Amino acid sequence: MSTWAEREARRIEKARTLMRPGIPGPGGVWADLGCGDGIFTAALHTLTRPAAEIFGVDRDLRALDALARHFAEGFPEARIRPMRADFTQPLTLPPLDGILLANALHFVRDKQAALKHTAALLKPGGRLIVVEYNTARGNPAVPYPLDEMGFLELTRAIGLREGRILARIPSTFLGEMYAGIGVA
């Protein structure tokens, strides 16, 4: 019988491909905001292990339960801290080396307000990595899209530096995904 990580290996590798250029190496304290059941959290873990601590933040308790199960099964050595919270509201977390928001911002209408308090959690030099569909047209599944130009504008508006696009990959849904980074 295969583990969750083995069954999801293709999706985890796609996430790693997008994020890899923005991850400075192993270790650190990270938060995956809007983590869901953990595909991108798993990719983050594999890029920052063995010593990273990752807060998996989501408001959906079922998703957090799935995250905990998936990591217990596939990455028992991981230092994952599930946390039930709404990342659009101020969070109480330790100073962070990095924040990941993967497929989460397209559910947020006021991205600037949400990211302003979120970016304040970053240590100097901390990284905000965003993964989104590269489209400006919304739909019911992606109600408030954030294309890469919008992301770059947003990083400047919230005071992050070095805003840039890290990687792009084709997507069967909405054509393309990108990963972008801004530095505190």
C-alpha atoms as a PDB file:
ATOM      1  CA  MET A   1       0.000   0.000   0.000  1.00  0.00           C
ATOM      2  CA  SER A   2       1.405   3.383  -0.976  1.00  0.00           C
ATOM      3  CA  THR A   3       1.554   6.465   1.233  1.00  0.00           C
ATOM      4  CA  TRP A   4      -0.248   9.725   0.505  1.00  0.00           C
ATOM      5  CA  ALA A   5       3.091  11.293  -0.483  1.00  0.00           C
ATOM      6  CA  GLU A   6       3.743   8.478  -2.960  1.00  0.00           C
ATOM      7  CA  ARG A   7       0.253   8.778  -4.452  1.00  0.00           C
ATOM      8  CA  GLU A   8       0.634  12.561  -4.772  1.00  0.00           C
ATOM      9  CA  ALA A   9       4.279  12.522  -5.901  1.00  0.00           C
ATOM     10  CA  ARG A  10       3.529  14.117  -9.294  1.00  0.00           C
ATOM     11  CA  ARG A  11       1.597  17.007  -7.802  1.00  0.00           C
ATOM     12  CA  ILE A  12       4.210  17.522  -5.083  1.00  0.00           C
ATOM     13  CA  GLU A  13       6.975  17.591  -7.706  1.00  0.00           C
ATOM     14  CA  LYS A  14       5.088  20.211  -9.755  1.00  0.00           C
ATOM     15  CA  ALA A  15       4.795  22.346  -6.626  1.00  0.00           C
ATOM     16  CA  ARG A  16       8.515  21.860  -5.908  1.00  0.00           C
ATOM     17  CA  THR A  17       9.357  22.973  -9.457  1.00  0.00           C
ATOM     18  CA  LEU A  18       7.512  26.243  -8.937  1.00  0.00           C
ATOM     19  CA  MET A  19       8.843  26.970  -5.459  1.00  0.00           C
ATOM     20  CA  ARG A  20      12.434  25.666  -5.638  1.00  0.00           C
ATOM     21  CA  PRO A  21      14.032  28.912  -6.937  1.00  0.00           C
ATOM     22  CA  GLY A  22      12.645  30.843  -3.950  1.00  0.00           C
ATOM     23  CA  ILE A  23      13.701  28.497  -1.174  1.00  0.00           C
ATOM     24  CA  PRO A  24      17.136  29.418   0.193  1.00  0.00           C
ATOM     25  CA  GLY A  25      17.869  25.988   1.645  1.00  0.00           C
ATOM     26  CA  PRO A  26      17.087  23.761   4.590  1.00  0.00           C
ATOM     27  CA  GLY A  27      15.726  24.955   7.894  1.00  0.00           C
ATOM     28  CA  GLY A  28      13.858  28.008   9.008  1.00  0.00           C
ATOM     29  CA  VAL A  29      10.416  28.743  10.346  1.00  0.00           C
ATOM     30  CA  TRP A  30       7.762  28.863   7.634  1.00  0.00           C
ATOM     31  CA  ALA A  31       4.000  29.202   7.358  1.00  0.00           C
ATOM     32  CA  ASP A  32       1.877  27.777   4.569  1.00  0.00           C
ATOM     33  CA  LEU A  33      -1.234  29.978   4.672  1.00  0.00           C
ATOM     34  CA  GLY A  34      -4.359  28.399   3.237  1.00  0.00           C
ATOM     35  CA  CYS A  35      -2.521  25.064   3.265  1.00  0.00           C
ATOM     36  CA  GLY A  36      -5.498  22.820   2.584  1.00  0.00           C
ATOM     37  CA  ASP A  37      -4.623  19.143   2.802  1.00  0.00           C
ATOM     38  CA  GLY A  38      -0.937  19.771   2.207  1.00  0.00           C
ATOM     39  CA  ILE A  39       0.318  19.314  -1.371  1.00  0.00           C
ATOM     40  CA  PHE A  40       2.307  22.559  -1.290  1.00  0.00           C
ATOM     41  CA  THR A  41       3.145  22.048   2.390  1.00  0.00           C
ATOM     42  CA  ALA A  42       4.721  18.721   1.422  1.00  0.00           C
ATOM     43  CA  ALA A  43       6.708  20.403  -1.348  1.00  0.00           C
ATOM     44  CA  LEU A  44       7.856  23.086   1.106  1.00  0.00           C
ATOM     45  CA  HIS A  45       8.878  20.420   3.603  1.00  0.00           C
ATOM     46  CA  THR A  46      10.946  18.528   1.045  1.00  0.00           C
ATOM     47  CA  LEU A  47      12.748  21.759   0.086  1.00  0.00           C
ATOM     48  CA  THR A  48      13.478  22.846   3.677  1.00  0.00           C
ATOM     49  CA  ARG A  49      14.080  19.570   5.514  1.00  0.00           C
ATOM     50  CA  PRO A  50      15.447  18.294   7.746  1.00  0.00           C
ATOM     51  CA  ALA A  51      15.260  21.143  10.241  1.00  0.00           C
ATOM     52  CA  ALA A  52      12.408  23.432   9.139  1.00  0.00           C
ATOM     53  CA  GLU A  53       9.344  24.083  11.263  1.00  0.00           C
ATOM     54  CA  ILE A  54       6.215  24.677   9.190  1.00  0.00           C
ATOM     55  CA  PHE A  55       2.911  26.091  10.406  1.00  0.00           C
ATOM     56  CA  GLY A  56       0.096  24.777   8.218  1.00  0.00           C
ATOM     57  CA  VAL A  57      -2.629  27.416   8.542  1.00  0.00           C
ATOM     58  CA  ASP A  58      -6.160  26.910   7.274  1.00  0.00           C
ATOM     59  CA  ARG A  59      -9.635  27.756   8.515  1.00  0.00           C
ATOM     60  CA  ASP A  60     -10.989  24.349   7.429  1.00  0.00           C
ATOM     61  CA  LEU A  61     -10.637  21.834  10.259  1.00  0.00           C
ATOM     62  CA  ARG A  62     -11.156  18.870   7.901  1.00  0.00           C
ATOM     63  CA  ALA A  63      -8.290  20.059   5.703  1.00  0.00           C
ATOM     64  CA  LEU A  64      -6.041  20.387   8.758  1.00  0.00           C
ATOM     65  CA  ASP A  65      -6.988  16.900   9.935  1.00  0.00           C
ATOM     66  CA  ALA A  66      -6.089  15.580   6.464  1.00  0.00           C
ATOM     67  CA  LEU A  67      -2.803  17.520   6.569  1.00  0.00           C
ATOM     68  CA  ALA A  68      -1.899  15.935   9.913  1.00  0.00           C
ATOM     69  CA  ARG A  69      -2.788  12.442   8.627  1.00  0.00           C
ATOM     70  CA  HIS A  70      -0.861  12.911   5.379  1.00  0.00           C
ATOM     71  CA  PHE A  71       2.264  14.048   7.175  1.00  0.00           C
ATOM     72  CA  ALA A  72       2.027  11.321   9.834  1.00  0.00           C
ATOM     73  CA  GLU A  73       1.826   8.788   6.997  1.00  0.00           C
ATOM     74  CA  GLY A  74       4.237  10.275   4.438  1.00  0.00           C
ATOM     75  CA  PHE A  75       6.650  12.502   6.381  1.00  0.00           C
ATOM     76  CA  PRO A  76       6.612  11.418  10.026  1.00  0.00           C
ATOM     77  CA  GLU A  77       9.882  13.278  10.690  1.00  0.00           C
ATOM     78  CA  ALA A  78       8.395  16.633   9.651  1.00  0.00           C
ATOM     79  CA  ARG A  79       7.887  19.431  12.149  1.00  0.00           C
ATOM     80  CA  ILE A  80       4.396  20.426  10.985  1.00  0.00           C
ATOM     81  CA  ARG A  81       2.196  22.565  13.228  1.00  0.00           C
ATOM     82  CA  PRO A  82      -1.440  22.578  12.019  1.00  0.00           C
ATOM     83  CA  MET A  83      -3.180  25.808  13.028  1.00  0.00           C
ATOM     84  CA  ARG A  84      -6.823  26.662  12.510  1.00  0.00           C
ATOM     85  CA  ALA A  85      -7.036  30.323  11.540  1.00  0.00           C
ATOM     86  CA  ASP A  86      -8.135  32.691   8.802  1.00  0.00           C
ATOM     87  CA  PHE A  87      -4.979  34.155   7.267  1.00  0.00           C
ATOM     88  CA  THR A  88      -6.876  37.237   6.099  1.00  0.00           C
ATOM     89  CA  GLN A  89      -7.007  38.252   9.767  1.00  0.00           C
ATOM     90  CA  PRO A  90      -3.954  39.055  11.929  1.00  0.00           C
ATOM     91  CA  LEU A  91      -2.182  35.871  13.039  1.00  0.00           C
ATOM     92  CA  THR A  92      -0.106  35.099  16.087  1.00  0.00           C
ATOM     93  CA  LEU A  93       2.989  33.310  14.840  1.00  0.00           C
ATOM     94  CA  PRO A  94       6.688  33.529  15.655  1.00  0.00           C
ATOM     95  CA  PRO A  95       8.851  35.643  13.321  1.00  0.00           C
ATOM     96  CA  LEU A  96       8.979  33.757  10.022  1.00  0.00           C
ATOM     97  CA  ASP A  97      11.747  33.062   7.544  1.00  0.00           C
ATOM     98  CA  GLY A  98       9.136  32.470   4.896  1.00  0.00           C
ATOM     99  CA  ILE A  99       5.462  32.462   4.053  1.00  0.00           C
ATOM    100  CA  LEU A 100       3.878  30.395   1.319  1.00  0.00           C
ATOM    101  CA  LEU A 101       0.490  31.234  -0.164  1.00  0.00           C
ATOM    102  CA  ALA A 102      -0.312  28.641  -2.828  1.00  0.00           C
ATOM    103  CA  ASN A 103      -3.677  28.793  -4.565  1.00  0.00           C
ATOM    104  CA  ALA A 104      -5.029  30.769  -1.626  1.00  0.00           C
ATOM    105  CA  LEU A 105      -5.029  34.433  -2.642  1.00  0.00           C
ATOM    106  CA  HIS A 106      -7.532  33.909  -5.437  1.00  0.00           C
ATOM    107  CA  PHE A 107     -10.166  33.522  -2.692  1.00  0.00           C
ATOM    108  CA  VAL A 108      -9.305  36.908  -1.130  1.00  0.00           C
ATOM    109  CA  ARG A 109     -10.957  40.071  -2.399  1.00  0.00           C
ATOM    110  CA  ASP A 110      -8.743  42.570  -0.513  1.00  0.00           C
ATOM    111  CA  LYS A 111      -5.323  41.045  -1.076  1.00  0.00           C
ATOM    112  CA  GLN A 112      -3.400  44.157  -0.054  1.00  0.00           C
ATOM    113  CA  ALA A 113      -5.001  44.283   3.407  1.00  0.00           C
ATOM    114  CA  ALA A 114      -4.469  40.538   3.960  1.00  0.00           C
ATOM    115  CA  LEU A 115      -0.857  40.622   2.826  1.00  0.00           C
ATOM    116  CA  LYS A 116       0.069  43.801   4.680  1.00  0.00           C
ATOM    117  CA  HIS A 117      -0.407  42.172   8.101  1.00  0.00           C
ATOM    118  CA  THR A 118       0.878  38.828   6.809  1.00  0.00           C
ATOM    119  CA  ALA A 119       4.147  40.297   5.500  1.00  0.00           C
ATOM    120  CA  ALA A 120       4.683  41.920   8.900  1.00  0.00           C
ATOM    121  CA  LEU A 121       5.283  38.397  10.277  1.00  0.00           C
ATOM    122  CA  LEU A 122       8.427  38.025   8.158  1.00  0.00           C
ATOM    123  CA  LYS A 123      11.887  38.456   9.624  1.00  0.00           C
ATOM    124  CA  PRO A 124      14.122  40.928   7.762  1.00  0.00           C
ATOM    125  CA  GLY A 125      15.089  39.092   4.588  1.00  0.00           C
ATOM    126  CA  GLY A 126      12.125  36.727   4.960  1.00  0.00           C
ATOM    127  CA  ARG A 127      10.428  35.541   1.803  1.00  0.00           C
ATOM    128  CA  LEU A 128       6.820  35.683   0.708  1.00  0.00           C
ATOM    129  CA  ILE A 129       6.199  33.090  -1.998  1.00  0.00           C
ATOM    130  CA  VAL A 130       2.904  33.154  -3.867  1.00  0.00           C
ATOM    131  CA  VAL A 131       1.703  30.491  -6.301  1.00  0.00           C
ATOM    132  CA  GLU A 132      -1.319  31.408  -8.405  1.00  0.00           C
ATOM    133  CA  TYR A 133      -2.953  30.971 -11.782  1.00  0.00           C
ATOM    134  CA  ASN A 134      -1.608  33.518 -14.239  1.00  0.00           C
ATOM    135  CA  THR A 135      -4.940  35.014 -15.221  1.00  0.00           C
ATOM    136  CA  ALA A 136      -6.825  38.237 -14.641  1.00  0.00           C
ATOM    137  CA  ARG A 137     -10.229  36.688 -15.419  1.00  0.00           C
ATOM    138  CA  GLY A 138     -12.088  35.153 -12.514  1.00  0.00           C
ATOM    139  CA  ASN A 139     -14.551  32.295 -12.426  1.00  0.00           C
ATOM    140  CA  PRO A 140     -16.421  30.466  -9.625  1.00  0.00           C
ATOM    141  CA  ALA A 141     -13.320  28.394  -8.721  1.00  0.00           C
ATOM    142  CA  VAL A 142     -10.939  31.381  -8.867  1.00  0.00           C
ATOM    143  CA  PRO A 143     -13.170  34.303  -7.880  1.00  0.00           C
ATOM    144  CA  TYR A 144     -10.445  36.957  -7.327  1.00  0.00           C
ATOM    145  CA  PRO A 145      -7.510  36.056  -9.581  1.00  0.00           C
ATOM    146  CA  LEU A 146      -4.021  37.487  -9.237  1.00  0.00           C
ATOM    147  CA  ASP A 147      -1.975  37.422 -12.425  1.00  0.00           C
ATOM    148  CA  GLU A 148       1.775  37.905 -12.279  1.00  0.00           C
ATOM    149  CA  MET A 149       1.646  41.637 -13.063  1.00  0.00           C
ATOM    150  CA  GLY A 150      -0.865  42.092 -10.256  1.00  0.00           C
ATOM    151  CA  PHE A 151       1.412  40.138  -7.933  1.00  0.00           C
ATOM    152  CA  LEU A 152       4.403  42.353  -8.734  1.00  0.00           C
ATOM    153  CA  GLU A 153       2.323  45.485  -8.119  1.00  0.00           C
ATOM    154  CA  LEU A 154       1.070  44.008  -4.854  1.00  0.00           C
ATOM    155  CA  THR A 155       4.580  43.290  -3.561  1.00  0.00           C
ATOM    156  CA  ARG A 156       5.521  46.945  -4.111  1.00  0.00           C
ATOM    157  CA  ALA A 157       2.288  48.171  -2.498  1.00  0.00           C
ATOM    158  CA  ILE A 158       2.926  46.216   0.716  1.00  0.00           C
ATOM    159  CA  GLY A 159       6.561  47.253   0.948  1.00  0.00           C
ATOM    160  CA  LEU A 160       8.332  44.075  -0.111  1.00  0.00           C
ATOM    161  CA  ARG A 161      11.476  44.311  -2.196  1.00  0.00           C
ATOM    162  CA  GLU A 162      12.926  42.144  -4.930  1.00  0.00           C
ATOM    163  CA  GLY A 163       9.477  41.238  -6.256  1.00  0.00           C
ATOM    164  CA  ARG A 164       9.912  38.879  -9.181  1.00  0.00           C
ATOM    165  CA  ILE A 165       8.474  35.823 -10.876  1.00  0.00           C
ATOM    166  CA  LEU A 166      10.375  32.659  -9.971  1.00  0.00           C
ATOM    167  CA  ALA A 167       8.874  30.113 -12.338  1.00  0.00           C
ATOM    168  CA  ARG A 168       5.920  29.287 -14.559  1.00  0.00           C
ATOM    169  CA  ILE A 169       4.421  25.919 -15.475  1.00  0.00           C
ATOM    170  CA  PRO A 170       1.570  24.960 -17.773  1.00  0.00           C
ATOM    171  CA  SER A 171      -1.727  24.194 -16.086  1.00  0.00           C
ATOM    172  CA  THR A 172      -4.690  22.295 -17.484  1.00  0.00           C
ATOM    173  CA  PHE A 173      -6.839  24.732 -15.494  1.00  0.00           C
ATOM    174  CA  LEU A 174      -6.534  28.366 -16.654  1.00  0.00           C
ATOM    175  CA  GLY A 175      -3.460  27.771 -18.810  1.00  0.00           C
ATOM    176  CA  GLU A 176      -0.515  28.634 -16.566  1.00  0.00           C
ATOM    177  CA  MET A 177       0.605  28.850 -12.950  1.00  0.00           C
ATOM    178  CA  TYR A 178       3.390  31.021 -11.635  1.00  0.00           C
ATOM    179  CA  ALA A 179       5.370  31.392  -8.447  1.00  0.00           C
ATOM    180  CA  GLY A 180       6.400  34.858  -7.363  1.00  0.00           C
ATOM    181  CA  ILE A 181       8.521  36.138  -4.505  1.00  0.00           C
ATOM    182  CA  GLY A 182       8.871  39.300  -2.465  1.00  0.00           C
ATOM    183  CA  VAL A 183      11.459  39.853   0.279  1.00  0.00           C
ATOM    184  CA  ALA A 184      10.925  41.684   3.570  1.00  0.00           C
END
